[in-house]
Amino acid sequence: MTSVLYDVPGPKARLYSLIGSAAGILIILGVLAIAVTTLAQQGIFDADRWEIFYGPMAPDVWNLIGQGILSTLAAAAVAAVIAFPLGIALCLLRISLIAWVRIPTQVVLEFLRGMPVVLMMLFILLVFATGQFQAVVVGLTLYNAAIFAEILRAGIQSLPKGQREAGLAIGLRSFQSRMSIEFPQAVRRMLPSLVAQLVVLLKDTSLGYIVGYEELLRKIQIMADFLGPDFLFPAFFVGAAIYILINLTVSRIAIMIERRGSKKAAGGVAAPSLRTGLMVGGNDPLAKDSVEGPDKK
């Protein structure tokens, strides 16, 4: 298939690309080999250092890790559930045609996006004297709501202008056009960015460590401090693996949702607004039959 962005590589370009890829792989494998060798010389892979995960202490260790996972997922879930609808509301205010609504919202969004999440958590914890969980959730909610609002705004602005004009032409109000026509398409179009931000939200729960919230990272730190420095690497390695597994699960779920939505769209399932537009415009064959009657045929 011919690319419109660049010329099709010739034999020499393909050869140079292959050589560069092979060299890059060899360099990466070499770095990994050096890292593994260094860790092995330090005794990191000794069985007694990993015995905490399958030996007599394993039930207590996994119970502590499980509590951390539940705390992490609880904070991330609550923050995501609140942040997304709040992001939709902020997006609607940000794209409002009324200047005195749009401009202050833009200022608020820029402030929330530019403010470090951990600083918001500390501010909420110290100024409002809330609990650690509330501070983490509110901080994550405010920051990610601003990011969601900008992602959705970008998705709406990327749509053809005819989408909104068609909605208004069939009698929908501005808000109805936004919610029933533009927002569903914007969410589908920006789904990869939304999922990436959900992964960031999940990882940012580790900032709760600063305000004393006992999420996964803090539980692992408590466990490592109790067991000693010899178990520091195994504890954090398992913690990193758990974070990666959770993030991959979130990404896979989002991919499944996106594929299901694409199949429905490819299957010819028309939206109610499109059906209404055909009927109002007089292009629906069923509507023509009902209007013209049998005599016209």
Protein backbone atom coordinates (compact mmCIF):
# COMPACT_ATOMS: atom_id res chain seq x y z
CA MET A 1 0.00 0.00 0.00
CA THR A 2 1.40 3.41 -0.98
CA SER A 3 1.78 5.91 1.85
CA VAL A 4 0.80 9.54 1.36
CA LEU A 5 3.18 10.68 4.10
CA TYR A 6 6.45 9.37 2.72
CA ASP A 7 7.88 7.46 -0.21
CA VAL A 8 7.87 3.68 -0.15
CA PRO A 9 11.32 2.56 1.14
CA GLY A 10 13.52 0.90 -1.41
CA PRO A 11 15.83 -2.11 -0.97
CA LYS A 12 18.64 -0.08 0.63
CA ALA A 13 16.29 1.74 3.01
CA ARG A 14 14.73 -1.57 4.09
CA LEU A 15 18.21 -3.03 4.62
CA TYR A 16 19.31 -0.04 6.73
CA SER A 17 16.08 -0.26 8.73
CA LEU A 18 16.64 -3.96 9.37
CA ILE A 19 20.23 -3.37 10.46
CA GLY A 20 19.18 -0.53 12.76
CA SER A 21 16.42 -2.63 14.33
CA ALA A 22 18.78 -5.55 14.89
CA ALA A 23 21.39 -3.25 16.44
CA GLY A 24 18.79 -1.70 18.73
CA ILE A 25 17.60 -5.13 19.89
CA LEU A 26 21.16 -6.23 20.59
CA ILE A 27 21.84 -3.07 22.61
CA ILE A 28 18.67 -3.57 24.68
CA LEU A 29 19.52 -7.23 25.30
CA GLY A 30 23.04 -6.23 26.32
CA VAL A 31 21.78 -3.67 28.83
CA LEU A 32 19.33 -6.20 30.26
CA ALA A 33 22.08 -8.80 30.55
CA ILE A 34 24.31 -6.36 32.43
CA ALA A 35 21.46 -5.40 34.76
CA VAL A 36 20.54 -9.04 35.49
CA THR A 37 24.18 -9.98 36.06
CA THR A 38 24.69 -7.07 38.46
CA LEU A 39 21.55 -7.94 40.42
CA ALA A 40 22.55 -11.61 40.54
CA GLN A 41 25.97 -10.71 41.95
CA GLN A 42 24.19 -8.80 44.72
CA GLY A 43 22.12 -11.85 45.60
CA ILE A 44 18.81 -10.31 44.52
CA PHE A 45 17.63 -13.58 42.96
CA ASP A 46 18.43 -15.74 45.98
CA ALA A 47 15.48 -17.89 46.99
CA ASP A 48 15.48 -16.70 50.60
CA ARG A 49 14.77 -13.13 49.47
CA TRP A 50 11.63 -14.22 47.61
CA GLU A 51 10.46 -16.66 50.27
CA ILE A 52 8.20 -14.00 51.76
CA PHE A 53 5.79 -14.53 48.85
CA TYR A 54 5.46 -18.32 49.20
CA GLY A 55 6.87 -19.22 52.64
CA PRO A 56 5.35 -19.08 56.13
CA MET A 57 5.00 -15.28 55.96
CA ALA A 58 3.19 -15.36 52.62
CA PRO A 59 -0.39 -15.08 54.01
CA ASP A 60 0.45 -11.94 55.98
CA VAL A 61 2.42 -10.43 53.08
CA TRP A 62 -0.31 -11.03 50.51
CA ASN A 63 -2.96 -9.82 52.92
CA LEU A 64 -1.05 -6.54 53.29
CA ILE A 65 -0.62 -6.25 49.52
CA GLY A 66 -4.31 -7.05 48.99
CA GLN A 67 -5.32 -4.25 51.35
CA GLY A 68 -3.12 -1.88 49.36
CA ILE A 69 -4.65 -2.99 46.06
CA LEU A 70 -8.18 -2.47 47.40
CA SER A 71 -7.26 1.00 48.67
CA THR A 72 -5.70 1.91 45.33
CA LEU A 73 -8.68 0.67 43.32
CA ALA A 74 -11.16 2.34 45.69
CA ALA A 75 -9.53 5.77 45.36
CA ALA A 76 -9.12 5.41 41.58
CA ALA A 77 -12.69 4.18 41.04
CA VAL A 78 -14.33 6.92 43.11
CA ALA A 79 -12.18 9.61 41.51
CA ALA A 80 -12.88 8.33 37.98
CA VAL A 81 -16.63 8.06 38.54
CA ILE A 82 -16.78 11.66 39.76
CA ALA A 83 -14.16 13.12 37.42
CA PHE A 84 -15.71 12.00 34.12
CA PRO A 85 -19.17 13.61 34.51
CA LEU A 86 -17.49 16.65 36.04
CA GLY A 87 -15.22 16.76 32.99
CA ILE A 88 -18.27 16.65 30.71
CA ALA A 89 -19.81 19.60 32.59
CA LEU A 90 -16.57 21.58 32.40
CA CYS A 91 -16.28 20.77 28.70
CA LEU A 92 -19.80 22.12 28.06
CA LEU A 93 -18.95 25.31 29.93
CA ARG A 94 -15.61 25.58 28.10
CA ILE A 95 -17.22 25.42 24.64
CA SER A 96 -20.13 27.66 25.58
CA LEU A 97 -20.95 30.48 23.19
CA ILE A 98 -21.38 32.84 26.15
CA ALA A 99 -18.10 34.61 26.83
CA TRP A 100 -18.67 35.21 30.56
CA VAL A 101 -19.17 31.46 30.97
CA ARG A 102 -16.43 30.26 28.62
CA ILE A 103 -13.55 32.51 29.76
CA PRO A 104 -13.78 31.86 33.55
CA THR A 105 -14.06 28.13 32.84
CA GLN A 106 -10.92 28.29 30.72
CA VAL A 107 -9.07 30.00 33.58
CA VAL A 108 -10.23 27.35 36.05
CA LEU A 109 -9.19 24.52 33.72
CA GLU A 110 -5.74 25.99 33.16
CA PHE A 111 -5.32 26.39 36.92
CA LEU A 112 -6.32 22.79 37.64
CA ARG A 113 -4.16 21.41 34.85
CA GLY A 114 -1.13 23.39 35.98
CA MET A 115 -1.46 22.55 39.68
CA PRO A 116 0.52 19.49 40.86
CA VAL A 117 -1.79 16.74 42.08
CA VAL A 118 0.16 16.15 45.27
CA LEU A 119 -0.06 19.85 46.12
CA MET A 120 -3.85 19.73 45.76
CA MET A 121 -3.96 16.68 48.01
CA LEU A 122 -1.88 18.41 50.68
CA PHE A 123 -3.96 21.58 50.41
CA ILE A 124 -7.22 19.67 50.86
CA LEU A 125 -5.82 17.61 53.73
CA LEU A 126 -4.33 20.52 55.67
CA VAL A 127 -6.72 23.37 54.93
CA PHE A 128 -10.02 21.49 55.05
CA ALA A 129 -8.84 18.95 57.66
CA THR A 130 -10.21 15.98 55.71
CA GLY A 131 -9.13 12.36 55.87
CA GLN A 132 -6.41 10.91 53.68
CA PHE A 133 -8.91 9.11 51.44
CA GLN A 134 -10.94 12.27 50.83
CA ALA A 135 -7.81 14.30 50.09
CA VAL A 136 -6.59 11.75 47.54
CA VAL A 137 -9.98 11.42 45.83
CA VAL A 138 -10.66 15.17 45.62
CA GLY A 139 -7.16 15.91 44.33
CA LEU A 140 -7.39 13.23 41.65
CA THR A 141 -10.93 14.26 40.74
CA LEU A 142 -10.15 17.94 40.20
CA TYR A 143 -7.04 17.33 38.15
CA ASN A 144 -8.43 14.55 35.97
CA ALA A 145 -11.75 16.32 35.43
CA ALA A 146 -9.81 19.18 33.85
CA ILE A 147 -7.90 16.74 31.64
CA PHE A 148 -11.08 14.89 30.64
CA ALA A 149 -12.72 18.21 29.75
CA GLU A 150 -9.87 19.17 27.43
CA ILE A 151 -9.80 15.71 25.82
CA LEU A 152 -13.54 15.84 25.13
CA ARG A 153 -13.29 19.39 23.86
CA ALA A 154 -10.60 18.31 21.42
CA GLY A 155 -12.81 15.44 20.29
CA ILE A 156 -15.79 17.73 19.69
CA GLN A 157 -13.69 20.26 17.79
CA SER A 158 -12.33 17.48 15.57
CA LEU A 159 -15.84 16.59 14.36
CA PRO A 160 -17.11 18.03 11.08
CA LYS A 161 -19.24 21.13 11.56
CA GLY A 162 -22.01 19.42 9.66
CA GLN A 163 -22.68 17.15 12.64
CA ARG A 164 -23.82 20.04 14.81
CA GLU A 165 -25.57 21.81 11.94
CA ALA A 166 -27.53 18.65 11.14
CA GLY A 167 -28.64 18.34 14.75
CA LEU A 168 -29.82 21.93 14.85
CA ALA A 169 -31.51 21.53 11.46
CA ILE A 170 -33.73 18.70 12.65
CA GLY A 171 -34.96 20.75 15.59
CA LEU A 172 -32.59 19.74 18.37
CA ARG A 173 -31.52 22.37 20.83
CA SER A 174 -27.85 23.19 21.27
CA PHE A 175 -27.53 21.11 24.45
CA GLN A 176 -29.40 18.19 22.87
CA SER A 177 -27.11 18.27 19.86
CA ARG A 178 -24.06 18.26 22.10
CA MET A 179 -25.21 15.32 24.22
CA SER A 180 -26.94 13.10 21.64
CA ILE A 181 -24.81 13.68 18.54
CA GLU A 182 -21.45 15.24 19.33
CA PHE A 183 -20.47 13.77 22.69
CA PRO A 184 -20.95 10.09 21.72
CA GLN A 185 -18.74 10.58 18.66
CA ALA A 186 -16.17 12.58 20.63
CA VAL A 187 -15.94 9.88 23.31
CA ARG A 188 -15.48 7.15 20.71
CA ARG A 189 -12.89 9.19 18.83
CA MET A 190 -10.93 10.14 21.94
CA LEU A 191 -11.29 6.80 23.73
CA PRO A 192 -7.54 5.99 23.56
CA SER A 193 -6.70 9.31 25.21
CA LEU A 194 -9.41 8.82 27.84
CA VAL A 195 -8.10 5.34 28.66
CA ALA A 196 -4.55 6.65 28.86
CA GLN A 197 -5.72 9.28 31.33
CA LEU A 198 -7.51 6.63 33.39
CA VAL A 199 -4.21 4.75 33.61
CA VAL A 200 -2.50 7.97 34.74
CA LEU A 201 -5.24 8.45 37.35
CA LEU A 202 -4.67 4.94 38.65
CA LYS A 203 -0.92 5.46 38.90
CA ASP A 204 -1.36 8.85 40.56
CA THR A 205 -3.04 7.16 43.50
CA SER A 206 0.51 6.36 44.60
CA LEU A 207 0.85 10.07 45.44
CA GLY A 208 -1.47 9.34 48.34
CA TYR A 209 1.68 8.00 50.01
CA ILE A 210 2.66 11.64 50.64
CA VAL A 211 -0.51 12.41 52.60
CA GLY A 212 -0.44 9.15 54.53
CA TYR A 213 -3.03 7.21 52.52
CA GLU A 214 -2.19 3.52 52.77
CA GLU A 215 -2.50 2.52 49.14
CA LEU A 216 -0.41 -0.14 47.41
CA LEU A 217 2.89 1.76 47.37
CA ARG A 218 2.67 2.68 51.06
CA LYS A 219 1.77 -0.88 52.04
CA ILE A 220 4.81 -2.14 50.15
CA GLN A 221 7.00 0.46 51.84
CA ILE A 222 5.67 -0.59 55.25
CA MET A 223 6.35 -4.22 54.42
CA ALA A 224 9.88 -3.48 53.18
CA ASP A 225 10.69 -1.39 56.27
CA PHE A 226 9.48 -4.20 58.53
CA LEU A 227 11.31 -7.00 56.72
CA GLY A 228 14.57 -5.12 56.14
CA PRO A 229 16.56 -3.81 53.16
CA ASP A 230 17.23 -7.31 51.78
CA PHE A 231 13.58 -7.56 50.78
CA LEU A 232 13.29 -4.07 49.31
CA PHE A 233 13.80 -5.09 45.67
CA PRO A 234 11.43 -8.11 45.72
CA ALA A 235 8.70 -6.05 47.40
CA PHE A 236 8.88 -3.19 44.93
CA PHE A 237 9.28 -5.55 41.98
CA VAL A 238 6.04 -7.32 42.88
CA GLY A 239 4.36 -3.95 43.45
CA ALA A 240 5.43 -2.73 40.01
CA ALA A 241 4.18 -5.97 38.43
CA ILE A 242 0.78 -5.48 40.11
CA TYR A 243 0.53 -1.89 38.83
CA ILE A 244 1.38 -3.04 35.30
CA LEU A 245 -1.16 -5.89 35.48
CA ILE A 246 -3.94 -3.55 36.64
CA ASN A 247 -3.14 -0.99 33.93
CA LEU A 248 -3.05 -3.67 31.23
CA THR A 249 -6.42 -4.94 32.43
CA VAL A 250 -7.91 -1.44 32.19
CA SER A 251 -6.48 -1.04 28.69
CA ARG A 252 -7.84 -4.41 27.54
CA ILE A 253 -11.31 -3.61 28.86
CA ALA A 254 -11.25 -0.30 26.99
CA ILE A 255 -10.17 -2.07 23.78
CA MET A 256 -13.04 -4.55 24.13
CA ILE A 257 -15.52 -1.69 24.59
CA GLU A 258 -14.10 0.14 21.58
CA ARG A 259 -14.32 -2.97 19.39
CA ARG A 260 -17.89 -3.63 20.47
CA GLY A 261 -18.84 -0.06 19.66
CA SER A 262 -17.12 -0.30 16.27
CA LYS A 263 -18.99 -3.51 15.45
CA LYS A 264 -22.30 -1.89 16.32
CA ALA A 265 -21.45 1.12 14.15
CA ALA A 266 -20.37 -1.12 11.27
CA GLY A 267 -23.54 -3.15 11.62
CA GLY A 268 -25.63 -0.21 10.47
CA VAL A 269 -27.34 0.62 13.76
CA ALA A 270 -28.58 4.14 13.17
CA ALA A 271 -28.86 6.63 15.99
CA PRO A 272 -32.31 7.95 16.85
CA SER A 273 -31.26 11.44 15.81
CA LEU A 274 -30.27 10.20 12.35
CA ARG A 275 -33.59 8.40 11.95
CA THR A 276 -35.41 11.54 13.01
CA GLY A 277 -33.39 13.59 10.52
CA LEU A 278 -34.39 11.30 7.66
CA MET A 279 -38.05 11.54 8.59
CA VAL A 280 -38.00 15.31 8.93
CA GLY A 281 -36.09 15.73 5.69
CA GLY A 282 -38.60 13.55 3.80
CA ASN A 283 -35.94 11.07 2.66
CA ASP A 284 -37.21 8.12 4.65
CA PRO A 285 -38.81 5.58 2.24
CA LEU A 286 -41.33 4.50 4.88
CA ALA A 287 -42.29 8.10 5.48
CA LYS A 288 -42.79 8.60 1.72
CA ASP A 289 -45.06 5.60 1.51
CA SER A 290 -47.18 6.82 4.40
CA VAL A 291 -47.50 10.30 2.92
CA GLU A 292 -48.01 9.43 -0.72
CA GLY A 293 -50.39 6.54 -0.10
CA PRO A 294 -51.27 3.74 -2.51
CA ASP A 295 -52.78 6.07 -5.14
CA LYS A 296 -49.40 7.76 -5.77
CA LYS A 297 -47.87 4.43 -6.57
